[in-house]
């Protein structure tokens, strides 16, 4: 589903990104790759942080898409950071591009007519291609990492 949203954004926003941000076709493509990565990572981060209900409400159109929404804010912050790091954009340019791309994608994400509706968190995770079991074991492994001193727990006790 995220791939579909990115493709819609790419076809709809390409000219706007060219005119307003001066991006060429290759830069638009790379920007959309960063947007996809940011949306996926942001949703995963929010899910692992226990905000599945917030994601579900946003997806089902029950929460507003704005920078005051913690999910949108998380994704926006990731995008700006990744765009600066991976694409070499300055903070101002990355933020300007973010303000065009991320609200557009998140509006589509929360539009039931375009993405459908999820009945519960498990259904949403499945629609997003996130496996709840994998997410939980990933979270647990970050705490334990085989008991080495680089793990969160290892750092506390090692």
Protein backbone atom coordinates (compact mmCIF):
# COMPACT_ATOMS: atom_id res chain seq x y z
CA UNK A 1 0.00 0.00 0.00
CA UNK A 2 2.80 2.45 0.82
CA UNK A 3 4.24 1.79 -2.65
CA UNK A 4 0.92 2.78 -4.21
CA UNK A 5 0.80 6.02 -2.18
CA UNK A 6 4.35 6.86 -3.23
CA UNK A 7 3.53 6.24 -6.90
CA UNK A 8 0.52 8.55 -6.67
CA UNK A 9 2.68 11.20 -4.98
CA UNK A 10 5.40 10.82 -7.62
CA UNK A 11 3.01 11.27 -10.53
CA UNK A 12 1.10 14.10 -8.87
CA UNK A 13 3.94 16.05 -7.25
CA UNK A 14 6.76 15.65 -9.79
CA UNK A 15 6.06 18.93 -11.60
CA UNK A 16 5.46 20.80 -8.35
CA UNK A 17 8.77 19.58 -6.91
CA UNK A 18 10.49 20.60 -10.12
CA UNK A 19 8.94 24.08 -10.14
CA UNK A 20 9.05 24.89 -6.43
CA UNK A 21 12.15 23.02 -5.25
CA UNK A 22 14.13 22.86 -8.49
CA UNK A 23 14.34 19.06 -8.46
CA UNK A 24 15.10 17.22 -11.67
CA UNK A 25 13.44 13.92 -12.55
CA UNK A 26 16.19 11.85 -10.92
CA UNK A 27 16.01 13.92 -7.72
CA UNK A 28 12.21 13.54 -7.62
CA UNK A 29 12.66 9.76 -7.89
CA UNK A 30 15.22 9.72 -5.06
CA UNK A 31 13.06 12.05 -2.97
CA UNK A 32 10.15 9.63 -3.28
CA UNK A 33 12.43 6.76 -2.23
CA UNK A 34 13.32 8.76 0.89
CA UNK A 35 9.63 9.53 1.46
CA UNK A 36 8.75 5.83 1.23
CA UNK A 37 11.50 4.91 3.65
CA UNK A 38 10.46 7.70 6.04
CA UNK A 39 6.78 6.75 6.00
CA UNK A 40 7.54 3.07 6.53
CA UNK A 41 10.13 3.73 9.26
CA UNK A 42 7.92 6.32 10.97
CA UNK A 43 4.90 4.02 11.05
CA UNK A 44 7.06 1.17 12.31
CA UNK A 45 8.59 3.42 15.00
CA UNK A 46 5.14 4.58 16.12
CA UNK A 47 3.84 0.99 16.15
CA UNK A 48 6.78 -0.23 18.21
CA UNK A 49 6.24 2.71 20.53
CA UNK A 50 2.73 1.47 21.24
CA UNK A 51 0.81 3.95 19.09
CA UNK A 52 -1.08 1.41 16.98
CA UNK A 53 -4.40 2.98 17.92
CA UNK A 54 -3.14 6.38 16.73
CA UNK A 55 -2.01 4.88 13.41
CA UNK A 56 -5.35 3.09 13.05
CA UNK A 57 -7.27 6.30 13.77
CA UNK A 58 -5.13 8.27 11.31
CA UNK A 59 -5.53 5.58 8.65
CA UNK A 60 -9.29 5.44 9.13
CA UNK A 61 -9.56 9.24 8.86
CA UNK A 62 -10.42 9.76 12.53
CA UNK A 63 -7.38 11.94 13.23
CA UNK A 64 -6.25 15.04 11.41
CA UNK A 65 -3.20 15.05 9.19
CA UNK A 66 -1.14 17.92 10.56
CA UNK A 67 2.28 18.51 12.03
CA UNK A 68 0.68 18.50 15.49
CA UNK A 69 -0.10 14.81 14.96
CA UNK A 70 2.75 12.81 16.52
CA UNK A 71 2.77 10.28 13.67
CA UNK A 72 3.02 12.93 10.96
CA UNK A 73 5.65 14.74 13.00
CA UNK A 74 7.72 11.57 13.39
CA UNK A 75 7.57 10.87 9.65
CA UNK A 76 8.37 14.49 8.78
CA UNK A 77 11.40 14.55 11.09
CA UNK A 78 12.67 11.31 9.59
CA UNK A 79 12.17 12.65 6.06
CA UNK A 80 14.08 15.89 6.72
CA UNK A 81 16.94 14.00 8.33
CA UNK A 82 17.12 11.36 5.59
CA UNK A 83 16.79 13.91 2.77
CA UNK A 84 19.68 15.92 4.19
CA UNK A 85 21.82 12.84 4.75
CA UNK A 86 21.02 10.76 1.66
CA UNK A 87 20.30 13.46 -0.92
CA UNK A 88 22.58 16.21 0.33
CA UNK A 89 19.79 18.77 0.70
CA UNK A 90 20.26 21.57 3.20
CA UNK A 91 17.86 21.67 6.14
CA UNK A 92 15.76 24.48 4.61
CA UNK A 93 15.37 22.71 1.26
CA UNK A 94 14.66 19.36 2.93
CA UNK A 95 12.01 20.99 5.11
CA UNK A 96 10.40 22.75 2.14
CA UNK A 97 10.24 19.48 0.20
CA UNK A 98 8.94 17.68 3.28
CA UNK A 99 6.12 20.22 3.57
CA UNK A 100 5.05 19.33 0.03
CA UNK A 101 5.51 15.56 0.05
CA UNK A 102 4.66 14.24 3.52
CA UNK A 103 1.28 16.00 4.00
CA UNK A 104 0.23 14.82 0.53
CA UNK A 105 1.14 11.19 1.27
CA UNK A 106 -0.42 11.25 4.72
CA UNK A 107 -3.65 12.80 3.38
CA UNK A 108 -3.85 9.89 0.93
CA UNK A 109 -2.97 7.47 3.75
CA UNK A 110 -5.90 8.71 5.84
CA UNK A 111 -8.40 8.88 2.97
CA UNK A 112 -10.70 5.86 3.30
CA UNK A 113 -11.79 6.20 -0.33
CA UNK A 114 -8.20 5.66 -1.50
CA UNK A 115 -6.80 3.16 0.98
CA UNK A 116 -9.83 1.49 2.49
CA UNK A 117 -10.44 1.01 6.16
CA UNK A 118 -8.91 -1.29 8.73
CA UNK A 119 -11.15 -2.90 11.34
CA UNK A 120 -8.41 -3.32 13.92
CA UNK A 121 -4.68 -2.94 14.55
CA UNK A 122 -3.82 -6.42 13.24
CA UNK A 123 -5.66 -5.73 9.99
CA UNK A 124 -3.85 -2.43 9.62
CA UNK A 125 -0.44 -4.01 10.30
CA UNK A 126 -1.17 -6.58 7.62
CA UNK A 127 -2.27 -3.90 5.12
CA UNK A 128 0.94 -1.98 5.77
CA UNK A 129 3.09 -5.08 5.38
CA UNK A 130 4.19 -5.00 9.00
CA UNK A 131 4.21 -8.27 10.90
CA UNK A 132 3.38 -7.78 14.57
CA UNK A 133 5.47 -10.81 15.59
CA UNK A 134 8.52 -9.51 13.69
CA UNK A 135 8.07 -6.07 15.23
CA UNK A 136 7.93 -7.50 18.74
CA UNK A 137 10.98 -9.73 18.23
CA UNK A 138 12.86 -6.78 16.70
CA UNK A 139 12.05 -4.69 19.74
CA UNK A 140 13.12 -7.47 22.11
CA UNK A 141 16.36 -8.02 20.23
CA UNK A 142 17.26 -4.33 20.59
CA UNK A 143 17.00 -4.82 24.34
CA UNK A 144 18.99 -8.02 24.52
CA UNK A 145 21.23 -8.36 21.40
CA UNK A 146 22.46 -11.67 22.70
CA UNK A 147 23.39 -10.13 26.03
CA UNK A 148 26.31 -8.12 24.69
CA UNK A 149 27.31 -4.75 26.11
CA UNK A 150 25.89 -2.91 23.07
CA UNK A 151 22.34 -3.93 23.88
CA UNK A 152 20.13 -1.69 25.99
CA UNK A 153 20.06 -4.20 28.83
CA UNK A 154 23.72 -5.11 28.39
CA UNK A 155 24.61 -1.43 28.67
CA UNK A 156 22.69 -1.23 31.94
CA UNK A 157 24.16 -4.32 33.49
CA UNK A 158 27.48 -4.81 31.70
